[in-house]
């Protein structure tokens, strides 16, 4: 049974708060009914206002990188980054927002999106790890982070490097509010432990994107 979707238009959206990186809109989907969307996007670019064609090809807010180190035993490269809302350094994947400059419009919207994701991934890897990478492929072009609260979305990409590349690792490229506390190389045994425990070696929870990276690594996709 297909239930009728609520119809949300620009006319029934109310702006509650707007800033450079976070906006809140009241989605008044029915008279007297309200649903709040915390989003990185400006009002006119929110997912709920997109046509079906725009929705199917929209470019995500950010990119998250699953970095596989190829060697005698493959490993997953993670880093500890201070995440302000949690108040802790947490284990995570190299990631960052997609800039408008990453987007070069092509006749094929999927090509536009794919090229933007790869360009953003390469830039973020350079900033957060010091590595110049070439082997980048898209795992999933867009997944929603927490659609009960926000239309924030990430692309998932796979990056392959060699053990030799590890000599170039650095976190000196951190920008603005970014604060890092080293890298961790995760083998299969440790990946299984992290998934089983649900926390890192300090007992701190990690993000859903870290969990995705661990599962991806163990799946050998």
Protein backbone atom coordinates (compact mmCIF):
# COMPACT_ATOMS: atom_id res chain seq x y z
CA UNK A 1 0.00 0.00 0.00
CA UNK A 2 1.48 3.35 -1.08
CA UNK A 3 0.62 6.18 1.26
CA UNK A 4 0.33 9.68 -0.13
CA UNK A 5 3.41 11.79 0.54
CA UNK A 6 2.98 15.11 2.34
CA UNK A 7 3.43 17.98 -0.10
CA UNK A 8 5.97 20.55 1.12
CA UNK A 9 6.40 23.69 -0.99
CA UNK A 10 8.44 26.85 -0.57
CA UNK A 11 5.25 28.64 0.49
CA UNK A 12 4.78 26.35 3.51
CA UNK A 13 8.41 26.54 4.68
CA UNK A 14 9.36 29.02 7.36
CA UNK A 15 12.94 30.12 7.98
CA UNK A 16 13.82 29.72 11.66
CA UNK A 17 17.59 30.29 11.55
CA UNK A 18 20.26 30.79 8.91
CA UNK A 19 24.06 30.91 9.13
CA UNK A 20 27.04 29.97 6.99
CA UNK A 21 27.11 26.27 7.92
CA UNK A 22 23.74 25.54 9.55
CA UNK A 23 20.16 26.49 8.78
CA UNK A 24 16.85 25.48 10.35
CA UNK A 25 13.57 25.47 8.45
CA UNK A 26 10.06 24.72 9.68
CA UNK A 27 8.40 22.36 7.19
CA UNK A 28 4.72 23.11 7.76
CA UNK A 29 3.48 20.05 5.93
CA UNK A 30 -0.10 20.39 7.13
CA UNK A 31 -2.15 23.08 8.86
CA UNK A 32 -0.94 23.18 12.47
CA UNK A 33 1.71 20.52 11.84
CA UNK A 34 5.43 21.31 11.91
CA UNK A 35 8.62 19.37 11.14
CA UNK A 36 12.02 20.96 11.59
CA UNK A 37 14.90 20.42 9.18
CA UNK A 38 18.44 21.29 10.33
CA UNK A 39 20.46 21.52 7.14
CA UNK A 40 23.72 22.73 5.64
CA UNK A 41 21.80 23.85 2.56
CA UNK A 42 20.17 27.16 1.87
CA UNK A 43 16.40 27.14 1.64
CA UNK A 44 16.16 26.96 -2.18
CA UNK A 45 18.60 24.02 -2.30
CA UNK A 46 17.02 21.80 0.38
CA UNK A 47 16.24 18.24 -0.69
CA UNK A 48 12.54 18.56 0.05
CA UNK A 49 12.08 21.31 -2.57
CA UNK A 50 13.86 19.49 -5.39
CA UNK A 51 12.06 18.02 -8.37
CA UNK A 52 12.35 14.25 -8.79
CA UNK A 53 15.04 14.71 -11.46
CA UNK A 54 17.04 17.10 -9.25
CA UNK A 55 16.63 14.80 -6.26
CA UNK A 56 17.95 11.76 -8.13
CA UNK A 57 21.11 13.55 -9.22
CA UNK A 58 21.76 15.99 -6.39
CA UNK A 59 25.31 16.47 -5.19
CA UNK A 60 25.85 15.61 -1.51
CA UNK A 61 27.10 18.05 1.11
CA UNK A 62 30.32 16.18 1.83
CA UNK A 63 32.52 13.23 0.97
CA UNK A 64 33.78 10.46 3.29
CA UNK A 65 36.81 8.43 2.20
CA UNK A 66 37.45 4.73 2.87
CA UNK A 67 41.25 4.59 2.55
CA UNK A 68 42.57 1.08 1.92
CA UNK A 69 46.31 0.53 2.33
CA UNK A 70 47.44 -2.29 0.03
CA UNK A 71 50.34 -4.43 1.26
CA UNK A 72 51.24 -7.84 2.60
CA UNK A 73 48.10 -7.40 4.70
CA UNK A 74 45.53 -4.81 3.65
CA UNK A 75 44.67 -2.20 6.27
CA UNK A 76 42.17 0.62 6.72
CA UNK A 77 43.52 4.10 7.44
CA UNK A 78 41.59 6.06 10.08
CA UNK A 79 42.39 9.19 12.07
CA UNK A 80 41.39 10.73 15.38
CA UNK A 81 39.73 14.10 14.94
CA UNK A 82 38.21 16.36 17.58
CA UNK A 83 34.49 16.59 16.89
CA UNK A 84 33.11 19.59 18.73
CA UNK A 85 29.52 18.37 19.25
CA UNK A 86 30.83 15.21 20.98
CA UNK A 87 33.50 16.93 23.06
CA UNK A 88 36.06 14.22 22.20
CA UNK A 89 38.57 13.02 19.65
CA UNK A 90 36.79 10.26 17.77
CA UNK A 91 37.99 7.69 15.27
CA UNK A 92 36.99 8.68 11.77
CA UNK A 93 37.60 8.65 8.04
CA UNK A 94 39.10 11.52 6.04
CA UNK A 95 36.13 13.67 5.07
CA UNK A 96 35.10 17.17 4.14
CA UNK A 97 32.53 19.43 2.58
CA UNK A 98 32.15 19.66 -1.19
CA UNK A 99 32.94 23.16 -2.45
CA UNK A 100 31.01 24.84 -5.24
CA UNK A 101 34.38 25.04 -7.03
CA UNK A 102 34.43 21.22 -7.14
CA UNK A 103 31.36 21.20 -9.38
CA UNK A 104 31.80 21.54 -13.14
CA UNK A 105 28.48 21.14 -14.92
CA UNK A 106 28.51 18.50 -17.67
CA UNK A 107 25.69 17.38 -20.03
CA UNK A 108 25.39 14.16 -18.02
CA UNK A 109 24.36 14.97 -14.40
CA UNK A 110 25.90 11.72 -13.16
CA UNK A 111 29.24 12.69 -14.67
CA UNK A 112 28.93 16.09 -13.02
CA UNK A 113 28.36 14.46 -9.64
CA UNK A 114 31.04 11.77 -9.97
CA UNK A 115 33.73 14.23 -11.02
CA UNK A 116 32.82 16.60 -8.16
CA UNK A 117 33.05 13.78 -5.61
CA UNK A 118 36.43 12.59 -6.84
CA UNK A 119 37.83 16.13 -6.95
CA UNK A 120 36.62 16.82 -3.40
CA UNK A 121 38.00 13.50 -2.13
CA UNK A 122 41.44 14.19 -3.57
CA UNK A 123 41.50 17.65 -1.98
CA UNK A 124 40.40 16.38 1.43
CA UNK A 125 42.95 13.56 1.36
CA UNK A 126 45.70 16.07 0.61
CA UNK A 127 44.61 18.37 3.44
CA UNK A 128 44.02 15.70 6.09
CA UNK A 129 46.69 13.12 5.25
CA UNK A 130 49.24 14.90 3.05
CA UNK A 131 48.72 12.27 0.34
CA UNK A 132 48.30 12.97 -3.36
CA UNK A 133 46.04 10.16 -4.55
CA UNK A 134 44.89 8.94 -7.95
CA UNK A 135 43.04 5.67 -7.27
CA UNK A 136 39.62 6.99 -6.23
CA UNK A 137 36.25 5.41 -7.00
CA UNK A 138 32.70 6.11 -5.87
CA UNK A 139 31.12 3.51 -3.55
CA UNK A 140 27.82 5.34 -3.08
CA UNK A 141 27.17 8.83 -4.49
CA UNK A 142 24.81 9.94 -1.71
CA UNK A 143 23.65 8.63 1.64
CA UNK A 144 21.69 10.65 4.20
CA UNK A 145 23.30 11.08 7.61
CA UNK A 146 20.21 11.22 9.82
CA UNK A 147 17.09 11.90 7.73
CA UNK A 148 14.83 12.17 10.77
CA UNK A 149 16.58 15.46 11.59
CA UNK A 150 18.48 16.70 8.55
CA UNK A 151 18.90 16.37 4.80
CA UNK A 152 22.71 16.37 5.29
CA UNK A 153 24.27 13.84 2.95
CA UNK A 154 27.66 12.29 2.21
CA UNK A 155 29.21 10.52 -0.71
CA UNK A 156 31.22 7.38 0.09
CA UNK A 157 34.39 6.88 -1.90
CA UNK A 158 37.13 4.25 -1.89
CA UNK A 159 40.75 5.40 -2.03
CA UNK A 160 43.57 2.90 -2.51
CA UNK A 161 47.15 3.67 -1.49
CA UNK A 162 50.30 1.59 -0.95
CA UNK A 163 52.33 0.97 2.21
CA UNK A 164 55.05 3.10 0.63
CA UNK A 165 52.66 6.08 0.63
CA UNK A 166 52.44 5.97 4.43
CA UNK A 167 55.81 7.73 4.63
CA UNK A 168 54.07 10.86 3.35
CA UNK A 169 51.36 10.93 6.04
CA UNK A 170 50.93 14.25 7.84
CA UNK A 171 48.13 16.18 9.52
CA UNK A 172 49.83 19.56 9.11
CA UNK A 173 47.28 20.59 6.48
CA UNK A 174 44.48 20.95 9.03
CA UNK A 175 42.40 24.07 8.40
CA UNK A 176 40.21 26.39 10.49
CA UNK A 177 38.60 24.44 13.35
CA UNK A 178 40.14 21.07 12.40
CA UNK A 179 42.14 19.39 15.19
CA UNK A 180 43.69 15.93 14.69
CA UNK A 181 45.47 13.50 17.00
CA UNK A 182 47.24 11.00 14.76
CA UNK A 183 46.44 8.11 12.48
CA UNK A 184 45.51 4.49 13.12
CA UNK A 185 46.07 1.56 10.77
CA UNK A 186 43.31 -1.00 11.23
CA UNK A 187 43.85 -4.65 10.31
CA UNK A 188 41.03 -7.16 9.98
CA UNK A 189 41.29 -8.35 13.59
CA UNK A 190 41.10 -4.82 14.98
CA UNK A 191 38.28 -3.92 12.57
CA UNK A 192 36.25 -6.86 13.86
CA UNK A 193 36.94 -5.78 17.46
CA UNK A 194 35.91 -2.18 16.79
CA UNK A 195 32.63 -3.36 15.27
CA UNK A 196 31.97 -5.82 18.10
CA UNK A 197 32.80 -3.30 20.85
CA UNK A 198 31.13 -0.32 19.19
CA UNK A 199 33.81 1.98 20.67
CA UNK A 200 37.50 2.72 20.16
CA UNK A 201 40.33 1.71 22.52
CA UNK A 202 39.47 4.65 24.81
CA UNK A 203 35.82 3.66 25.04
CA UNK A 204 34.64 6.51 22.81
CA UNK A 205 31.88 5.97 20.25
CA UNK A 206 32.67 6.66 16.61
CA UNK A 207 30.58 7.93 13.71
CA UNK A 208 28.29 5.91 11.47
CA UNK A 209 30.69 6.62 8.60
CA UNK A 210 33.51 4.95 10.53
CA UNK A 211 31.25 1.92 11.02
CA UNK A 212 30.51 1.91 7.27
CA UNK A 213 34.24 2.05 6.50
CA UNK A 214 34.95 -0.87 8.84
CA UNK A 215 32.21 -2.99 7.30
CA UNK A 216 33.31 -2.06 3.79
CA UNK A 217 36.91 -2.99 4.62
CA UNK A 218 35.90 -6.38 6.03
CA UNK A 219 33.56 -7.09 3.11
CA UNK A 220 36.44 -6.85 0.58
CA UNK A 221 34.22 -4.89 -1.81
